[in-house]
Each structure stands twice: as C-alpha cells, then as structure tokens.
mmCIF file of all heavy atoms, coordinates in Angstrom:
data_MODEL
# 
_entry.id   MODEL 
# 
loop_
_atom_site.group_PDB 
_atom_site.id 
_atom_site.type_symbol 
_atom_site.label_atom_id 
_atom_site.label_alt_id 
_atom_site.label_comp_id 
_atom_site.label_asym_id 
_atom_site.label_entity_id 
_atom_site.label_seq_id 
_atom_site.pdbx_PDB_ins_code 
_atom_site.Cartn_x 
_atom_site.Cartn_y 
_atom_site.Cartn_z 
_atom_site.occupancy 
_atom_site.B_iso_or_equiv 
_atom_site.pdbx_formal_charge 
_atom_site.auth_seq_id 
_atom_site.auth_comp_id 
_atom_site.auth_asym_id 
_atom_site.auth_atom_id 
_atom_site.pdbx_PDB_model_num 
ATOM 1   N N   . LEU A 1 1  ? 1.767   0.949  -3.375  1.00 0.00 ? 1  LEU A N   1 
ATOM 2   C CA  . LEU A 1 1  ? 1.120   1.599  -4.519  1.00 0.00 ? 1  LEU A CA  1 
ATOM 3   C C   . LEU A 1 1  ? 1.492   3.086  -4.517  1.00 0.00 ? 1  LEU A C   1 
ATOM 4   O O   . LEU A 1 1  ? 0.646   3.959  -4.382  1.00 0.00 ? 1  LEU A O   1 
ATOM 5   C CB  . LEU A 1 1  ? -0.395  1.422  -4.416  1.00 0.00 ? 1  LEU A CB  1 
ATOM 6   C CG  . LEU A 1 1  ? -1.169  1.335  -5.717  1.00 0.00 ? 1  LEU A CG  1 
ATOM 7   C CD1 . LEU A 1 1  ? -0.719  0.147  -6.552  1.00 0.00 ? 1  LEU A CD1 1 
ATOM 8   C CD2 . LEU A 1 1  ? -2.662  1.185  -5.435  1.00 0.00 ? 1  LEU A CD2 1 
ATOM 9   N N   . LYS A 1 2  ? 2.794   3.336  -4.626  1.00 0.00 ? 2  LYS A N   1 
ATOM 10  C CA  . LYS A 1 2  ? 3.265   4.702  -4.449  1.00 0.00 ? 2  LYS A CA  1 
ATOM 11  C C   . LYS A 1 2  ? 4.153   5.098  -5.615  1.00 0.00 ? 2  LYS A C   1 
ATOM 12  O O   . LYS A 1 2  ? 5.036   4.331  -5.974  1.00 0.00 ? 2  LYS A O   1 
ATOM 13  C CB  . LYS A 1 2  ? 4.061   4.771  -3.131  1.00 0.00 ? 2  LYS A CB  1 
ATOM 14  C CG  . LYS A 1 2  ? 4.311   6.171  -2.616  1.00 0.00 ? 2  LYS A CG  1 
ATOM 15  C CD  . LYS A 1 2  ? 4.924   6.136  -1.236  1.00 0.00 ? 2  LYS A CD  1 
ATOM 16  C CE  . LYS A 1 2  ? 5.212   7.554  -0.781  1.00 0.00 ? 2  LYS A CE  1 
ATOM 17  N NZ  . LYS A 1 2  ? 5.729   7.652  0.545   1.00 0.00 ? 2  LYS A NZ  1 
ATOM 18  N N   . PRO A 1 3  ? 3.909   6.260  -6.239  1.00 0.00 ? 3  PRO A N   1 
ATOM 19  C CA  . PRO A 1 3  ? 2.808   7.198  -5.990  1.00 0.00 ? 3  PRO A CA  1 
ATOM 20  C C   . PRO A 1 3  ? 1.534   6.706  -6.681  1.00 0.00 ? 3  PRO A C   1 
ATOM 21  O O   . PRO A 1 3  ? 1.597   6.178  -7.796  1.00 0.00 ? 3  PRO A O   1 
ATOM 22  C CB  . PRO A 1 3  ? 3.318   8.500  -6.619  1.00 0.00 ? 3  PRO A CB  1 
ATOM 23  C CG  . PRO A 1 3  ? 4.221   8.064  -7.719  1.00 0.00 ? 3  PRO A CG  1 
ATOM 24  C CD  . PRO A 1 3  ? 4.839   6.761  -7.273  1.00 0.00 ? 3  PRO A CD  1 
ATOM 25  N N   . THR A 1 4  ? 0.423   6.930  -6.022  1.00 0.00 ? 4  THR A N   1 
ATOM 26  C CA  . THR A 1 4  ? -0.860  6.453  -6.573  1.00 0.00 ? 4  THR A CA  1 
ATOM 27  C C   . THR A 1 4  ? -1.157  7.097  -7.933  1.00 0.00 ? 4  THR A C   1 
ATOM 28  O O   . THR A 1 4  ? -1.772  6.477  -8.795  1.00 0.00 ? 4  THR A O   1 
ATOM 29  C CB  . THR A 1 4  ? -2.013  6.756  -5.599  1.00 0.00 ? 4  THR A CB  1 
ATOM 30  O OG1 . THR A 1 4  ? -1.933  8.140  -5.212  1.00 0.00 ? 4  THR A OG1 1 
ATOM 31  C CG2 . THR A 1 4  ? -1.944  5.887  -4.356  1.00 0.00 ? 4  THR A CG2 1 
ATOM 32  N N   . SER A 1 5  ? -0.684  8.345  -8.113  1.00 0.00 ? 5  SER A N   1 
ATOM 33  C CA  . SER A 1 5  ? -0.951  9.059  -9.376  1.00 0.00 ? 5  SER A CA  1 
ATOM 34  C C   . SER A 1 5  ? -0.331  8.329  -10.575 1.00 0.00 ? 5  SER A C   1 
ATOM 35  O O   . SER A 1 5  ? -0.876  8.354  -11.679 1.00 0.00 ? 5  SER A O   1 
ATOM 36  C CB  . SER A 1 5  ? -0.405  10.482 -9.303  1.00 0.00 ? 5  SER A CB  1 
ATOM 37  O OG  . SER A 1 5  ? 0.978   10.454 -8.974  1.00 0.00 ? 5  SER A OG  1 
ATOM 38  N N   . MET A 1 6  ? 0.818   7.666  -10.357 1.00 0.00 ? 6  MET A N   1 
ATOM 39  C CA  . MET A 1 6  ? 1.447   6.923  -11.456 1.00 0.00 ? 6  MET A CA  1 
ATOM 40  C C   . MET A 1 6  ? 0.556   5.766  -11.899 1.00 0.00 ? 6  MET A C   1 
ATOM 41  O O   . MET A 1 6  ? 0.357   5.553  -13.101 1.00 0.00 ? 6  MET A O   1 
ATOM 42  C CB  . MET A 1 6  ? 2.809   6.376  -11.035 1.00 0.00 ? 6  MET A CB  1 
ATOM 43  C CG  . MET A 1 6  ? 3.458   5.534  -12.127 1.00 0.00 ? 6  MET A CG  1 
ATOM 44  S SD  . MET A 1 6  ? 5.034   4.804  -11.694 1.00 0.00 ? 6  MET A SD  1 
ATOM 45  C CE  . MET A 1 6  ? 4.511   3.325  -10.846 1.00 0.00 ? 6  MET A CE  1 
ATOM 46  N N   . TYR A 1 7  ? 0.003   5.024  -10.936 1.00 0.00 ? 7  TYR A N   1 
ATOM 47  C CA  . TYR A 1 7  ? -0.852  3.874  -11.281 1.00 0.00 ? 7  TYR A CA  1 
ATOM 48  C C   . TYR A 1 7  ? -2.135  4.338  -11.959 1.00 0.00 ? 7  TYR A C   1 
ATOM 49  O O   . TYR A 1 7  ? -2.623  3.686  -12.875 1.00 0.00 ? 7  TYR A O   1 
ATOM 50  C CB  . TYR A 1 7  ? -1.126  3.029  -10.031 1.00 0.00 ? 7  TYR A CB  1 
ATOM 51  C CG  . TYR A 1 7  ? 0.126   2.327  -9.578  1.00 0.00 ? 7  TYR A CG  1 
ATOM 52  C CD1 . TYR A 1 7  ? 0.980   2.908  -8.641  1.00 0.00 ? 7  TYR A CD1 1 
ATOM 53  C CD2 . TYR A 1 7  ? 0.502   1.112  -10.129 1.00 0.00 ? 7  TYR A CD2 1 
ATOM 54  C CE1 . TYR A 1 7  ? 2.169   2.287  -8.259  1.00 0.00 ? 7  TYR A CE1 1 
ATOM 55  C CE2 . TYR A 1 7  ? 1.676   0.478  -9.758  1.00 0.00 ? 7  TYR A CE2 1 
ATOM 56  C CZ  . TYR A 1 7  ? 2.510   1.075  -8.822  1.00 0.00 ? 7  TYR A CZ  1 
ATOM 57  O OH  . TYR A 1 7  ? 3.684   0.454  -8.466  1.00 0.00 ? 7  TYR A OH  1 
ATOM 58  N N   . ARG A 1 8  ? -2.663  5.475  -11.510 1.00 0.00 ? 8  ARG A N   1 
ATOM 59  C CA  . ARG A 1 8  ? -3.842  6.058  -12.177 1.00 0.00 ? 8  ARG A CA  1 
ATOM 60  C C   . ARG A 1 8  ? -3.519  6.334  -13.649 1.00 0.00 ? 8  ARG A C   1 
ATOM 61  O O   . ARG A 1 8  ? -4.278  5.978  -14.548 1.00 0.00 ? 8  ARG A O   1 
ATOM 62  C CB  . ARG A 1 8  ? -4.213  7.361  -11.469 1.00 0.00 ? 8  ARG A CB  1 
ATOM 63  C CG  . ARG A 1 8  ? -5.326  8.159  -12.137 1.00 0.00 ? 8  ARG A CG  1 
ATOM 64  C CD  . ARG A 1 8  ? -5.303  9.609  -11.690 1.00 0.00 ? 8  ARG A CD  1 
ATOM 65  N NE  . ARG A 1 8  ? -4.103  10.300 -12.165 1.00 0.00 ? 8  ARG A NE  1 
ATOM 66  C CZ  . ARG A 1 8  ? -3.539  11.332 -11.537 1.00 0.00 ? 8  ARG A CZ  1 
ATOM 67  N NH1 . ARG A 1 8  ? -4.036  11.790 -10.414 1.00 0.00 ? 8  ARG A NH1 1 
ATOM 68  N NH2 . ARG A 1 8  ? -2.450  11.904 -12.046 1.00 0.00 ? 8  ARG A NH2 1 
ATOM 69  N N   . ASP A 1 9  ? -2.364  6.947  -13.894 1.00 0.00 ? 9  ASP A N   1 
ATOM 70  C CA  . ASP A 1 9  ? -1.982  7.314  -15.264 1.00 0.00 ? 9  ASP A CA  1 
ATOM 71  C C   . ASP A 1 9  ? -1.696  6.092  -16.137 1.00 0.00 ? 9  ASP A C   1 
ATOM 72  O O   . ASP A 1 9  ? -2.242  5.962  -17.226 1.00 0.00 ? 9  ASP A O   1 
ATOM 73  C CB  . ASP A 1 9  ? -0.730  8.210  -15.247 1.00 0.00 ? 9  ASP A CB  1 
ATOM 74  C CG  . ASP A 1 9  ? -1.013  9.607  -14.703 1.00 0.00 ? 9  ASP A CG  1 
ATOM 75  O OD1 . ASP A 1 9  ? -2.202  9.969  -14.603 1.00 0.00 ? 9  ASP A OD1 1 
ATOM 76  O OD2 . ASP A 1 9  ? -0.048  10.318 -14.373 1.00 0.00 ? 9  ASP A OD2 1 
ATOM 77  N N   . VAL A 1 10 ? -0.816  5.196  -15.650 1.00 0.00 ? 10 VAL A N   1 
ATOM 78  C CA  . VAL A 1 10 ? -0.385  4.083  -16.517 1.00 0.00 ? 10 VAL A CA  1 
ATOM 79  C C   . VAL A 1 10 ? -1.502  3.068  -16.752 1.00 0.00 ? 10 VAL A C   1 
ATOM 80  O O   . VAL A 1 10 ? -1.487  2.360  -17.764 1.00 0.00 ? 10 VAL A O   1 
ATOM 81  C CB  . VAL A 1 10 ? 0.896   3.375  -15.995 1.00 0.00 ? 10 VAL A CB  1 
ATOM 82  C CG1 . VAL A 1 10 ? 2.046   4.351  -15.870 1.00 0.00 ? 10 VAL A CG1 1 
ATOM 83  C CG2 . VAL A 1 10 ? 0.668   2.639  -14.714 1.00 0.00 ? 10 VAL A CG2 1 
ATOM 84  N N   . LEU A 1 11 ? -2.492  2.998  -15.836 1.00 0.00 ? 11 LEU A N   1 
ATOM 85  C CA  . LEU A 1 11 ? -3.606  2.075  -16.038 1.00 0.00 ? 11 LEU A CA  1 
ATOM 86  C C   . LEU A 1 11 ? -4.777  2.726  -16.774 1.00 0.00 ? 11 LEU A C   1 
ATOM 87  O O   . LEU A 1 11 ? -5.776  2.072  -17.072 1.00 0.00 ? 11 LEU A O   1 
ATOM 88  C CB  . LEU A 1 11 ? -4.078  1.504  -14.694 1.00 0.00 ? 11 LEU A CB  1 
ATOM 89  C CG  . LEU A 1 11 ? -3.056  0.612  -13.963 1.00 0.00 ? 11 LEU A CG  1 
ATOM 90  C CD1 . LEU A 1 11 ? -3.525  0.296  -12.541 1.00 0.00 ? 11 LEU A CD1 1 
ATOM 91  C CD2 . LEU A 1 11 ? -2.786  -0.681 -14.727 1.00 0.00 ? 11 LEU A CD2 1 
ATOM 92  N N   . GLY A 1 12 ? -4.669  4.042  -17.036 1.00 0.00 ? 12 GLY A N   1 
ATOM 93  C CA  . GLY A 1 12 ? -5.687  4.739  -17.828 1.00 0.00 ? 12 GLY A CA  1 
ATOM 94  C C   . GLY A 1 12 ? -6.991  4.939  -17.092 1.00 0.00 ? 12 GLY A C   1 
ATOM 95  O O   . GLY A 1 12 ? -8.069  4.860  -17.687 1.00 0.00 ? 12 GLY A O   1 
ATOM 96  N N   . ILE A 1 13 ? -6.913  5.218  -15.781 1.00 0.00 ? 13 ILE A N   1 
ATOM 97  C CA  . ILE A 1 13 ? -8.135  5.388  -14.969 1.00 0.00 ? 13 ILE A CA  1 
ATOM 98  C C   . ILE A 1 13 ? -8.518  6.865  -14.953 1.00 0.00 ? 13 ILE A C   1 
ATOM 99  O O   . ILE A 1 13 ? -7.703  7.725  -14.621 1.00 0.00 ? 13 ILE A O   1 
ATOM 100 C CB  . ILE A 1 13 ? -7.915  4.854  -13.534 1.00 0.00 ? 13 ILE A CB  1 
ATOM 101 C CG1 . ILE A 1 13 ? -7.624  3.349  -13.596 1.00 0.00 ? 13 ILE A CG1 1 
ATOM 102 C CG2 . ILE A 1 13 ? -9.116  5.137  -12.654 1.00 0.00 ? 13 ILE A CG2 1 
ATOM 103 C CD1 . ILE A 1 13 ? -7.062  2.778  -12.328 1.00 0.00 ? 13 ILE A CD1 1 
ATOM 104 N N   . LYS A 1 14 ? -9.764  7.145  -15.311 1.00 0.00 ? 14 LYS A N   1 
ATOM 105 C CA  . LYS A 1 14 ? -10.196 8.549  -15.423 1.00 0.00 ? 14 LYS A CA  1 
ATOM 106 C C   . LYS A 1 14 ? -10.925 9.046  -14.169 1.00 0.00 ? 14 LYS A C   1 
ATOM 107 O O   . LYS A 1 14 ? -10.695 10.144 -13.700 1.00 0.00 ? 14 LYS A O   1 
ATOM 108 C CB  . LYS A 1 14 ? -11.091 8.716  -16.658 1.00 0.00 ? 14 LYS A CB  1 
ATOM 109 C CG  . LYS A 1 14 ? -10.339 8.547  -17.964 1.00 0.00 ? 14 LYS A CG  1 
ATOM 110 C CD  . LYS A 1 14 ? -9.429  9.760  -18.248 1.00 0.00 ? 14 LYS A CD  1 
ATOM 111 C CE  . LYS A 1 14 ? -8.523  9.508  -19.440 1.00 0.00 ? 14 LYS A CE  1 
ATOM 112 N NZ  . LYS A 1 14 ? -7.144  9.207  -19.059 1.00 0.00 ? 14 LYS A NZ  1 
ATOM 113 N N   . LYS A 1 15 ? -11.848 8.236  -13.643 1.00 0.00 ? 15 LYS A N   1 
ATOM 114 C CA  . LYS A 1 15 ? -12.610 8.667  -12.456 1.00 0.00 ? 15 LYS A CA  1 
ATOM 115 C C   . LYS A 1 15 ? -12.091 7.886  -11.254 1.00 0.00 ? 15 LYS A C   1 
ATOM 116 O O   . LYS A 1 15 ? -12.276 6.671  -11.183 1.00 0.00 ? 15 LYS A O   1 
ATOM 117 C CB  . LYS A 1 15 ? -14.104 8.396  -12.642 1.00 0.00 ? 15 LYS A CB  1 
ATOM 118 C CG  . LYS A 1 15 ? -14.758 9.284  -13.696 1.00 0.00 ? 15 LYS A CG  1 
ATOM 119 C CD  . LYS A 1 15 ? -16.272 9.250  -13.602 1.00 0.00 ? 15 LYS A CD  1 
ATOM 120 C CE  . LYS A 1 15 ? -16.819 7.863  -13.939 1.00 0.00 ? 15 LYS A CE  1 
ATOM 121 N NZ  . LYS A 1 15 ? -18.286 7.823  -13.937 1.00 0.00 ? 15 LYS A NZ  1 
ATOM 122 N N   . ASN A 1 16 ? -11.448 8.568  -10.324 1.00 0.00 ? 16 ASN A N   1 
ATOM 123 C CA  . ASN A 1 16 ? -10.865 7.820  -9.206  1.00 0.00 ? 16 ASN A CA  1 
ATOM 124 C C   . ASN A 1 16 ? -10.689 8.670  -7.959  1.00 0.00 ? 16 ASN A C   1 
ATOM 125 O O   . ASN A 1 16 ? -10.698 9.905  -8.008  1.00 0.00 ? 16 ASN A O   1 
ATOM 126 C CB  . ASN A 1 16 ? -9.506  7.250  -9.612  1.00 0.00 ? 16 ASN A CB  1 
ATOM 127 C CG  . ASN A 1 16 ? -8.461  8.332  -9.765  1.00 0.00 ? 16 ASN A CG  1 
ATOM 128 O OD1 . ASN A 1 16 ? -8.611  9.236  -10.570 1.00 0.00 ? 16 ASN A OD1 1 
ATOM 129 N ND2 . ASN A 1 16 ? -7.424  8.263  -8.963  1.00 0.00 ? 16 ASN A ND2 1 
ATOM 130 N N   . ILE A 1 17 ? -10.537 7.976  -6.837  1.00 0.00 ? 17 ILE A N   1 
ATOM 131 C CA  . ILE A 1 17 ? -10.190 8.604  -5.559  1.00 0.00 ? 17 ILE A CA  1 
ATOM 132 C C   . ILE A 1 17 ? -8.895  7.945  -5.115  1.00 0.00 ? 17 ILE A C   1 
ATOM 133 O O   . ILE A 1 17 ? -8.783  6.716  -5.146  1.00 0.00 ? 17 ILE A O   1 
ATOM 134 C CB  . ILE A 1 17 ? -11.297 8.358  -4.493  1.00 0.00 ? 17 ILE A CB  1 
ATOM 135 C CG1 . ILE A 1 17 ? -12.620 8.993  -4.949  1.00 0.00 ? 17 ILE A CG1 1 
ATOM 136 C CG2 . ILE A 1 17 ? -10.872 8.889  -3.126  1.00 0.00 ? 17 ILE A CG2 1 
ATOM 137 C CD1 . ILE A 1 17 ? -13.838 8.479  -4.201  1.00 0.00 ? 17 ILE A CD1 1 
ATOM 138 N N   . GLU A 1 18 ? -7.905  8.749  -4.711  1.00 0.00 ? 18 GLU A N   1 
ATOM 139 C CA  . GLU A 1 18 ? -6.621  8.202  -4.252  1.00 0.00 ? 18 GLU A CA  1 
ATOM 140 C C   . GLU A 1 18 ? -6.491  8.395  -2.749  1.00 0.00 ? 18 GLU A C   1 
ATOM 141 O O   . GLU A 1 18 ? -6.686  9.496  -2.241  1.00 0.00 ? 18 GLU A O   1 
ATOM 142 C CB  . GLU A 1 18 ? -5.460  8.897  -4.972  1.00 0.00 ? 18 GLU A CB  1 
ATOM 143 C CG  . GLU A 1 18 ? -5.404  8.581  -6.454  1.00 0.00 ? 18 GLU A CG  1 
ATOM 144 C CD  . GLU A 1 18 ? -4.479  9.520  -7.209  1.00 0.00 ? 18 GLU A CD  1 
ATOM 145 O OE1 . GLU A 1 18 ? -3.366  9.788  -6.701  1.00 0.00 ? 18 GLU A OE1 1 
ATOM 146 O OE2 . GLU A 1 18 ? -4.859  9.988  -8.298  1.00 0.00 ? 18 GLU A OE2 1 
ATOM 147 N N   . LYS A 1 19 ? -6.171  7.297  -2.059  1.00 0.00 ? 19 LYS A N   1 
ATOM 148 C CA  . LYS A 1 19 ? -6.019  7.360  -0.597  1.00 0.00 ? 19 LYS A CA  1 
ATOM 149 C C   . LYS A 1 19 ? -4.718  6.681  -0.188  1.00 0.00 ? 19 LYS A C   1 
ATOM 150 O O   . LYS A 1 19 ? -4.348  5.650  -0.749  1.00 0.00 ? 19 LYS A O   1 
ATOM 151 C CB  . LYS A 1 19 ? -7.182  6.623  0.097   1.00 0.00 ? 19 LYS A CB  1 
ATOM 152 C CG  . LYS A 1 19 ? -8.535  7.292  -0.062  1.00 0.00 ? 19 LYS A CG  1 
ATOM 153 C CD  . LYS A 1 19 ? -8.736  8.371  0.967   1.00 0.00 ? 19 LYS A CD  1 
ATOM 154 C CE  . LYS A 1 19 ? -10.171 8.912  0.906   1.00 0.00 ? 19 LYS A CE  1 
ATOM 155 N NZ  . LYS A 1 19 ? -10.338 10.049 1.811   1.00 0.00 ? 19 LYS A NZ  1 
ATOM 156 N N   . GLU A 1 20 ? -4.070  7.256  0.805   1.00 0.00 ? 20 GLU A N   1 
ATOM 157 C CA  . GLU A 1 20 ? -2.852  6.647  1.341   1.00 0.00 ? 20 GLU A CA  1 
ATOM 158 C C   . GLU A 1 20 ? -2.987  6.604  2.865   1.00 0.00 ? 20 GLU A C   1 
ATOM 159 O O   . GLU A 1 20 ? -3.421  7.583  3.482   1.00 0.00 ? 20 GLU A O   1 
ATOM 160 C CB  . GLU A 1 20 ? -1.643  7.508  0.950   1.00 0.00 ? 20 GLU A CB  1 
ATOM 161 C CG  . GLU A 1 20 ? -0.340  6.745  0.979   1.00 0.00 ? 20 GLU A CG  1 
ATOM 162 C CD  . GLU A 1 20 ? 0.816   7.585  0.435   1.00 0.00 ? 20 GLU A CD  1 
ATOM 163 O OE1 . GLU A 1 20 ? 0.636   8.317  -0.554  1.00 0.00 ? 20 GLU A OE1 1 
ATOM 164 O OE2 . GLU A 1 20 ? 1.903   7.492  1.039   1.00 0.00 ? 20 GLU A OE2 1 
ATOM 165 N N   . TYR A 1 21 ? -2.650  5.451  3.455   1.00 0.00 ? 21 TYR A N   1 
ATOM 166 C CA  . TYR A 1 21 ? -2.815  5.284  4.898   1.00 0.00 ? 21 TYR A CA  1 
ATOM 167 C C   . TYR A 1 21 ? -1.491  4.926  5.562   1.00 0.00 ? 21 TYR A C   1 
ATOM 168 O O   . TYR A 1 21 ? -0.684  4.192  4.975   1.00 0.00 ? 21 TYR A O   1 
ATOM 169 C CB  . TYR A 1 21 ? -3.831  4.161  5.181   1.00 0.00 ? 21 TYR A CB  1 
ATOM 170 C CG  . TYR A 1 21 ? -5.182  4.405  4.566   1.00 0.00 ? 21 TYR A CG  1 
ATOM 171 C CD1 . TYR A 1 21 ? -5.496  3.886  3.308   1.00 0.00 ? 21 TYR A CD1 1 
ATOM 172 C CD2 . TYR A 1 21 ? -6.142  5.164  5.214   1.00 0.00 ? 21 TYR A CD2 1 
ATOM 173 C CE1 . TYR A 1 21 ? -6.726  4.111  2.712   1.00 0.00 ? 21 TYR A CE1 1 
ATOM 174 C CE2 . TYR A 1 21 ? -7.384  5.401  4.636   1.00 0.00 ? 21 TYR A CE2 1 
ATOM 175 C CZ  . TYR A 1 21 ? -7.671  4.869  3.386   1.00 0.00 ? 21 TYR A CZ  1 
ATOM 176 O OH  . TYR A 1 21 ? -8.897  5.109  2.813   1.00 0.00 ? 21 TYR A OH  1 
ATOM 177 N N   . PRO A 1 22 ? -1.261  5.415  6.787   1.00 0.00 ? 22 PRO A N   1 
ATOM 178 C CA  . PRO A 1 22 ? -0.019  5.031  7.494   1.00 0.00 ? 22 PRO A CA  1 
ATOM 179 C C   . PRO A 1 22 ? -0.097  3.578  7.956   1.00 0.00 ? 22 PRO A C   1 
ATOM 180 O O   . PRO A 1 22 ? -1.176  2.986  7.986   1.00 0.00 ? 22 PRO A O   1 
ATOM 181 C CB  . PRO A 1 22 ? 0.013   5.986  8.686   1.00 0.00 ? 22 PRO A CB  1 
ATOM 182 C CG  . PRO A 1 22 ? -1.429  6.339  8.931   1.00 0.00 ? 22 PRO A CG  1 
ATOM 183 C CD  . PRO A 1 22 ? -2.097  6.319  7.589   1.00 0.00 ? 22 PRO A CD  1 
ATOM 184 N N   . SER A 1 23 ? 1.037   3.016  8.313   1.00 0.00 ? 23 SER A N   1 
ATOM 185 C CA  . SER A 1 23 ? 1.057   1.643  8.817   1.00 0.00 ? 23 SER A CA  1 
ATOM 186 C C   . SER A 1 23 ? 0.255   1.565  10.113  1.00 0.00 ? 23 SER A C   1 
ATOM 187 O O   . SER A 1 23 ? 0.383   2.424  10.984  1.00 0.00 ? 23 SER A O   1 
ATOM 188 C CB  . SER A 1 23 ? 2.506   1.222  9.084   1.00 0.00 ? 23 SER A CB  1 
ATOM 189 O OG  . SER A 1 23 ? 2.521   0.047  9.865   1.00 0.00 ? 23 SER A OG  1 
ATOM 190 N N   . PRO A 1 24 ? -0.571  0.511  10.271  1.00 0.00 ? 24 PRO A N   1 
ATOM 191 C CA  . PRO A 1 24 ? -1.357  0.382  11.509  1.00 0.00 ? 24 PRO A CA  1 
ATOM 192 C C   . PRO A 1 24 ? -0.539  -0.221 12.657  1.00 0.00 ? 24 PRO A C   1 
ATOM 193 O O   . PRO A 1 24 ? -1.027  -0.343 13.773  1.00 0.00 ? 24 PRO A O   1 
ATOM 194 C CB  . PRO A 1 24 ? -2.488  -0.558 11.090  1.00 0.00 ? 24 PRO A CB  1 
ATOM 195 C CG  . PRO A 1 24 ? -1.878  -1.404 10.014  1.00 0.00 ? 24 PRO A CG  1 
ATOM 196 C CD  . PRO A 1 24 ? -0.852  -0.565 9.309   1.00 0.00 ? 24 PRO A CD  1 
ATOM 197 N N   . PHE A 1 25 ? 0.709   -0.637 12.382  1.00 0.00 ? 25 PHE A N   1 
ATOM 198 C CA  . PHE A 1 25 ? 1.508   -1.328 13.393  1.00 0.00 ? 25 PHE A CA  1 
ATOM 199 C C   . PHE A 1 25 ? 2.305   -0.343 14.249  1.00 0.00 ? 25 PHE A C   1 
ATOM 200 O O   . PHE A 1 25 ? 2.665   0.735  13.788  1.00 0.00 ? 25 PHE A O   1 
ATOM 201 C CB  . PHE A 1 25 ? 2.446   -2.338 12.728  1.00 0.00 ? 25 PHE A CB  1 
ATOM 202 C CG  . PHE A 1 25 ? 1.735   -3.327 11.836  1.00 0.00 ? 25 PHE A CG  1 
ATOM 203 C CD1 . PHE A 1 25 ? 2.293   -3.757 10.654  1.00 0.00 ? 25 PHE A CD1 1 
ATOM 204 C CD2 . PHE A 1 25 ? 0.485   -3.824 12.191  1.00 0.00 ? 25 PHE A CD2 1 
ATOM 205 C CE1 . PHE A 1 25 ? 1.637   -4.661 9.821   1.00 0.00 ? 25 PHE A CE1 1 
ATOM 206 C CE2 . PHE A 1 25 ? -0.185  -4.727 11.380  1.00 0.00 ? 25 PHE A CE2 1 
ATOM 207 C CZ  . PHE A 1 25 ? 0.387   -5.148 10.194  1.00 0.00 ? 25 PHE A CZ  1 
ATOM 208 N N   . PRO A 1 26 ? 2.602   -0.711 15.517  1.00 0.00 ? 26 PRO A N   1 
ATOM 209 C CA  . PRO A 1 26 ? 3.309   0.210  16.418  1.00 0.00 ? 26 PRO A CA  1 
ATOM 210 C C   . PRO A 1 26 ? 4.658   0.650  15.842  1.00 0.00 ? 26 PRO A C   1 
ATOM 211 O O   . PRO A 1 26 ? 5.487   -0.193 15.496  1.00 0.00 ? 26 PRO A O   1 
ATOM 212 C CB  . PRO A 1 26 ? 3.517   -0.622 17.695  1.00 0.00 ? 26 PRO A CB  1 
ATOM 213 C CG  . PRO A 1 26 ? 2.537   -1.746 17.608  1.00 0.00 ? 26 PRO A CG  1 
ATOM 214 C CD  . PRO A 1 26 ? 2.311   -2.007 16.159  1.00 0.00 ? 26 PRO A CD  1 
ATOM 215 N N   . PRO A 1 27 ? 4.896   1.970  15.738  1.00 0.00 ? 27 PRO A N   1 
ATOM 216 C CA  . PRO A 1 27 ? 6.145   2.451  15.139  1.00 0.00 ? 27 PRO A CA  1 
ATOM 217 C C   . PRO A 1 27 ? 7.391   2.024  15.915  1.00 0.00 ? 27 PRO A C   1 
ATOM 218 O O   . PRO A 1 27 ? 8.455   1.843  15.332  1.00 0.00 ? 27 PRO A O   1 
ATOM 219 C CB  . PRO A 1 27 ? 5.990   3.976  15.135  1.00 0.00 ? 27 PRO A CB  1 
ATOM 220 C CG  . PRO A 1 27 ? 4.862   4.283  16.054  1.00 0.00 ? 27 PRO A CG  1 
ATOM 221 C CD  . PRO A 1 27 ? 3.992   3.084  16.101  1.00 0.00 ? 27 PRO A CD  1 
ATOM 222 N N   . GLU A 1 28 ? 7.228   1.825  17.239  1.00 0.00 ? 28 GLU A N   1 
ATOM 223 C CA  . GLU A 1 28 ? 8.392   1.433  18.051  1.00 0.00 ? 28 GLU A CA  1 
ATOM 224 C C   . GLU A 1 28 ? 8.877   0.011  17.763  1.00 0.00 ? 28 GLU A C   1 
ATOM 225 O O   . GLU A 1 28 ? 9.961   -0.401 18.194  1.00 0.00 ? 28 GLU A O   1 
ATOM 226 C CB  . GLU A 1 28 ? 8.102   1.605  19.556  1.00 0.00 ? 28 GLU A CB  1 
ATOM 227 C CG  . GLU A 1 28 ? 6.990   0.750  20.120  1.00 0.00 ? 28 GLU A CG  1 
ATOM 228 C CD  . GLU A 1 28 ? 5.591   1.352  19.983  1.00 0.00 ? 28 GLU A CD  1 
ATOM 229 O OE1 . GLU A 1 28 ? 5.423   2.346  19.227  1.00 0.00 ? 28 GLU A OE1 1 
ATOM 230 O OE2 . GLU A 1 28 ? 4.673   0.824  20.637  1.00 0.00 ? 28 GLU A OE2 1 
ATOM 231 N N   . ASN A 1 29 ? 8.074   -0.759 17.029  1.00 0.00 ? 29 ASN A N   1 
ATOM 232 C CA  . ASN A 1 29 ? 8.466   -2.134 16.689  1.00 0.00 ? 29 ASN A CA  1 
ATOM 233 C C   . ASN A 1 29 ? 9.345   -2.215 15.444  1.00 0.00 ? 29 ASN A C   1 
ATOM 234 O O   . ASN A 1 29 ? 9.789   -3.291 15.073  1.00 0.00 ? 29 ASN A O   1 
ATOM 235 C CB  . ASN A 1 29 ? 7.217   -3.008 16.449  1.00 0.00 ? 29 ASN A CB  1 
ATOM 236 C CG  . ASN A 1 29 ? 6.569   -3.412 17.761  1.00 0.00 ? 29 ASN A CG  1 
ATOM 237 O OD1 . ASN A 1 29 ? 6.942   -2.908 18.812  1.00 0.00 ? 29 ASN A OD1 1 
ATOM 238 N ND2 . ASN A 1 29 ? 5.604   -4.295 17.698  1.00 0.00 ? 29 ASN A ND2 1 
# 
C-alpha cells in the first residue's frame, strides 16, 4: 500500500491515519 497518500487520495478518504511498518521477518533471510 505504497505510497499510502495515493490510496487516501484516489479513494476519497478525508479523515485518516497513515502508518507504515517494516517487515517483521529476519533481514538476513
């Protein structure tokens, strides 16, 4: 869902919170 701002705009959402999280899996894998 990247960038979240695009989905906010194209879906017409006015009141929102945008969050992005890193992968929970070990980076060495």
